[in-house]
Amino acid sequence: MSRLPGRALAAVALAALLAGCGGTGATTGSSASRPSTSATPPPAAKSVPTVGRSVPVGLRIPAIGVDTPVMKLGLAGDGSVQVPPIAAHDRAGWYEHSPTPGQTGPSVILGHVTVGAYGDGVFRHLADLEQGARIEVRLANGKAAEFAVTRVETVAKAEFPTGEVYGNVDRPELRLITCGGPRTGDGYQDNVIVFATLGSAAAKH
C-alpha cells in the first residue's frame, strides 16, 4: 500500500476497527475519515516474486472452510471505508486502495464474523487459523495467488497495530481482518488480524 501520513493511517485504522463486525446494528460503512491514496508505493524488491496486478474475485481458506466470492470495497459517500453488506449470502471484500493480492505491499481483505439476524459471517473461524495455513486468492486474470499464514493476532480495538497492518513492506503480503473477542451490544471488543506472505502464483484450473 502507498505510504500514508500519520493522520491518514489513523483514519484507516479506525475504518478497520469498525469494519467486519456485522452485529445486528451494523451498516455497510464505518465512520472513519477518508484515507489518503495519492502517494507512490515503494518499488518491489528484485529478489521477491510478485503477481501481475489483477483484482481478487474469490478467496479460499481450506483449514476453516472458507470459499467465498470477493467484492470490491471503496469509500462510502461520507468518505468512510466500505464494508461488505449485511446479507444472508455473506462474502469478503477487498479494499481497493490497497495493493491487489500478489503485488508488493499489504493487500487488505475484510469480512464479517457475524451478519446480524443471518448468523455467522464468512470470517467466523478466522481466529482458528494457524501458522502455515494456506490462503488462496483467485484473481480476475485467471490466476491464483497462494499465501501462507505467518501469524494470527487478536488485539483490542484501542490498540489496533496500524503500522503493521497498513504500513509499507517490501514483499507481497496479505491481511485478513474481522472482529472478535467479547461482544458488547452489537459490536465486539477486539479485532482478529491474519498476516500472510505470498508463496506462489499459478494458472487457475
Protein backbone atom coordinates (compact mmCIF):
# COMPACT_ATOMS: atom_id res chain seq x y z
CA MET A 1 0.00 0.00 0.00
CA SER A 2 1.17 3.54 -0.54
CA ARG A 3 2.92 5.26 2.32
CA LEU A 4 0.39 7.18 4.38
CA PRO A 5 0.88 10.19 6.68
CA GLY A 6 0.06 9.80 10.35
CA ARG A 7 -3.47 11.22 10.22
CA ALA A 8 -4.40 9.09 7.21
CA LEU A 9 -3.06 5.97 8.91
CA ALA A 10 -5.18 6.76 11.94
CA ALA A 11 -8.24 7.14 9.72
CA VAL A 12 -7.60 3.81 8.01
CA ALA A 13 -7.09 2.15 11.37
CA LEU A 14 -10.42 3.42 12.62
CA ALA A 15 -12.06 2.04 9.49
CA ALA A 16 -10.61 -1.38 10.26
CA LEU A 17 -11.76 -1.22 13.85
CA LEU A 18 -15.34 -0.67 12.79
CA ALA A 19 -15.39 -2.99 9.79
CA GLY A 20 -16.21 -6.65 9.66
CA CYS A 21 -18.22 -6.97 12.86
CA GLY A 22 -21.69 -7.40 11.46
CA GLY A 23 -23.74 -7.01 14.60
CA THR A 24 -27.48 -6.52 14.41
CA GLY A 25 -27.00 -2.77 14.21
CA ALA A 26 -24.18 -2.84 11.66
CA THR A 27 -24.33 -0.83 8.47
CA THR A 28 -22.47 -1.04 5.20
CA GLY A 29 -19.88 1.55 6.19
CA SER A 30 -17.81 2.89 9.04
CA SER A 31 -17.43 6.37 10.48
CA ALA A 32 -13.75 6.72 9.53
CA SER A 33 -12.34 9.67 7.63
CA ARG A 34 -11.24 9.36 4.02
CA PRO A 35 -7.78 7.71 3.85
CA SER A 36 -5.09 9.11 1.60
CA THR A 37 -4.34 7.13 -1.57
CA SER A 38 -2.18 9.55 -3.53
CA ALA A 39 1.33 8.52 -2.51
CA THR A 40 3.51 6.33 -4.72
CA PRO A 41 4.14 2.79 -3.44
CA PRO A 42 7.75 1.63 -3.00
CA PRO A 43 9.37 -0.42 -5.78
CA ALA A 44 9.27 -4.19 -5.48
CA ALA A 45 12.35 -5.89 -4.09
CA LYS A 46 14.13 -7.59 -7.02
CA SER A 47 14.52 -10.89 -5.18
CA VAL A 48 10.83 -11.18 -4.30
CA PRO A 49 8.49 -12.56 -6.98
CA THR A 50 5.22 -10.73 -7.44
CA VAL A 51 1.98 -11.33 -9.29
CA GLY A 52 0.74 -9.02 -12.05
CA ARG A 53 -1.93 -6.58 -10.94
CA SER A 54 -5.37 -8.20 -11.07
CA VAL A 55 -8.30 -7.65 -8.73
CA PRO A 56 -9.33 -10.52 -6.44
CA VAL A 57 -12.59 -12.27 -7.23
CA GLY A 58 -12.51 -15.20 -4.82
CA LEU A 59 -10.97 -16.35 -1.54
CA ARG A 60 -10.42 -19.92 -0.36
CA ILE A 61 -9.11 -20.95 3.08
CA PRO A 62 -9.39 -24.76 3.31
CA ALA A 63 -8.45 -25.01 7.00
CA ILE A 64 -11.57 -23.10 8.09
CA GLY A 65 -13.94 -23.96 5.27
CA VAL A 66 -13.96 -20.57 3.55
CA ASP A 67 -14.72 -20.43 -0.18
CA THR A 68 -16.25 -17.06 -0.98
CA PRO A 69 -16.54 -14.50 -3.74
CA VAL A 70 -14.68 -11.27 -3.08
CA MET A 71 -16.27 -7.91 -3.77
CA LYS A 72 -14.51 -4.58 -4.20
CA LEU A 73 -14.70 -2.11 -1.33
CA GLY A 74 -14.03 1.56 -1.79
CA LEU A 75 -15.18 4.66 0.02
CA ALA A 76 -18.73 5.48 1.06
CA GLY A 77 -20.33 8.83 0.25
CA ASP A 78 -19.23 10.24 3.61
CA GLY A 79 -15.61 9.30 2.96
CA SER A 80 -15.64 6.23 5.20
CA VAL A 81 -14.26 2.87 4.14
CA GLN A 82 -16.96 0.50 2.97
CA VAL A 83 -17.51 -2.97 4.41
CA PRO A 84 -19.43 -5.88 2.86
CA PRO A 85 -23.21 -5.56 3.22
CA ILE A 86 -25.07 -7.43 5.94
CA ALA A 87 -26.70 -10.17 3.88
CA ALA A 88 -27.67 -13.83 4.01
CA HIS A 89 -25.02 -14.71 1.44
CA ASP A 90 -22.10 -13.07 3.19
CA ARG A 91 -18.85 -12.52 1.30
CA ALA A 92 -15.47 -10.94 1.84
CA GLY A 93 -14.35 -7.59 0.44
CA TRP A 94 -11.02 -6.30 -0.83
CA TYR A 95 -10.14 -2.69 -0.02
CA GLU A 96 -9.35 -1.30 -3.47
CA HIS A 97 -6.86 1.30 -2.24
CA SER A 98 -4.55 -1.45 -1.03
CA PRO A 99 -2.37 -3.45 -3.47
CA THR A 100 -4.01 -6.31 -5.32
CA PRO A 101 -3.05 -9.71 -3.82
CA GLY A 102 0.41 -10.72 -5.01
CA GLN A 103 1.68 -7.20 -5.60
CA THR A 104 4.28 -5.65 -3.33
CA GLY A 105 2.67 -4.36 -0.14
CA PRO A 106 -0.13 -5.39 2.21
CA SER A 107 -3.34 -6.34 0.40
CA VAL A 108 -6.30 -5.97 2.76
CA ILE A 109 -9.43 -8.13 2.77
CA LEU A 110 -12.25 -7.55 5.26
CA GLY A 111 -15.04 -9.87 6.32
CA HIS A 112 -17.76 -10.19 8.92
CA VAL A 113 -17.64 -12.56 11.87
CA THR A 114 -21.43 -12.35 12.22
CA VAL A 115 -24.10 -10.88 9.95
CA GLY A 116 -26.86 -9.83 12.31
CA ALA A 117 -30.01 -11.93 12.06
CA TYR A 118 -28.42 -14.06 9.34
CA GLY A 119 -25.99 -15.65 11.80
CA ASP A 120 -22.34 -16.47 11.18
CA GLY A 121 -20.23 -14.39 8.83
CA VAL A 122 -17.70 -15.58 6.27
CA PHE A 123 -14.79 -14.95 8.68
CA ARG A 124 -16.45 -16.60 11.69
CA HIS A 125 -13.50 -19.00 12.20
CA LEU A 126 -10.68 -16.65 11.21
CA ALA A 127 -9.17 -16.72 14.71
CA ASP A 128 -8.72 -20.51 14.41
CA LEU A 129 -6.14 -20.27 11.63
CA GLU A 130 -2.65 -21.49 12.46
CA GLN A 131 0.79 -20.60 11.18
CA GLY A 132 1.42 -22.16 7.78
CA ALA A 133 -2.24 -22.43 6.80
CA ARG A 134 -2.84 -21.90 3.08
CA ILE A 135 -4.87 -18.99 1.70
CA GLU A 136 -5.72 -18.91 -1.99
CA VAL A 137 -6.87 -15.69 -3.63
CA ARG A 138 -8.42 -16.13 -7.07
CA LEU A 139 -7.75 -13.24 -9.43
CA ALA A 140 -9.71 -11.80 -12.33
CA ASN A 141 -6.89 -12.66 -14.76
CA GLY A 142 -7.48 -16.37 -14.21
CA LYS A 143 -4.56 -16.89 -11.85
CA ALA A 144 -4.49 -17.62 -8.15
CA ALA A 145 -2.09 -16.15 -5.59
CA GLU A 146 -1.32 -18.52 -2.73
CA PHE A 147 -0.33 -17.19 0.67
CA ALA A 148 0.82 -18.85 3.88
CA VAL A 149 -0.22 -17.58 7.31
CA THR A 150 2.67 -16.22 9.34
CA ARG A 151 0.71 -15.22 12.44
CA VAL A 152 -2.76 -14.53 13.80
CA GLU A 153 -3.37 -11.80 16.35
CA THR A 154 -6.37 -10.82 18.41
CA VAL A 155 -5.97 -7.25 19.61
CA ALA A 156 -8.11 -4.77 21.48
CA LYS A 157 -9.59 -2.22 19.10
CA ALA A 158 -8.00 0.60 21.08
CA GLU A 159 -4.58 -1.00 20.40
CA PHE A 160 -5.00 -1.73 16.70
CA PRO A 161 -1.49 -2.07 15.14
CA THR A 162 -2.00 0.39 12.30
CA GLY A 163 1.59 0.42 11.10
CA GLU A 164 1.90 -3.36 10.98
CA VAL A 165 -1.36 -3.80 9.10
CA TYR A 166 -1.24 -0.93 6.59
CA GLY A 167 2.42 0.14 6.60
CA ASN A 168 4.81 -0.45 3.71
CA VAL A 169 6.50 -3.83 3.26
CA ASP A 170 8.94 -4.87 0.52
CA ARG A 171 7.19 -8.09 -0.48
CA PRO A 172 3.66 -9.24 -1.31
CA GLU A 173 1.66 -9.79 1.87
CA LEU A 174 -1.98 -10.29 2.79
CA ARG A 175 -4.06 -9.06 5.73
CA LEU A 176 -7.41 -10.58 6.64
CA ILE A 177 -9.39 -8.58 9.20
CA THR A 178 -12.56 -9.23 11.17
CA CYS A 179 -13.88 -8.63 14.67
CA GLY A 180 -13.52 -10.92 17.66
CA GLY A 181 -13.35 -11.23 21.38
CA PRO A 182 -16.26 -10.50 23.73
CA ARG A 183 -19.38 -8.87 22.35
CA THR A 184 -20.56 -5.53 23.66
CA GLY A 185 -24.09 -4.85 22.50
CA ASP A 186 -24.00 -5.01 18.71
CA GLY A 187 -20.21 -4.92 18.48
CA TYR A 188 -17.04 -6.68 19.53
CA GLN A 189 -14.17 -5.54 21.73
CA ASP A 190 -11.33 -6.89 19.60
CA ASN A 191 -10.08 -7.33 16.06
CA VAL A 192 -8.71 -10.56 14.62
CA ILE A 193 -5.90 -9.97 12.13
CA VAL A 194 -4.29 -12.63 9.95
CA PHE A 195 -0.87 -11.86 8.48
CA ALA A 196 0.27 -13.91 5.48
CA THR A 197 3.02 -13.85 2.85
CA LEU A 198 2.95 -14.85 -0.80
CA GLY A 199 4.03 -18.39 -1.53
CA SER A 200 3.25 -18.90 -5.21
CA ALA A 201 1.05 -17.98 -8.14
CA ALA A 202 -0.36 -20.38 -10.69
CA ALA A 203 -2.84 -20.62 -13.52
CA LYS A 204 -6.37 -21.17 -12.30
CA HIS A 205 -7.86 -24.59 -13.00
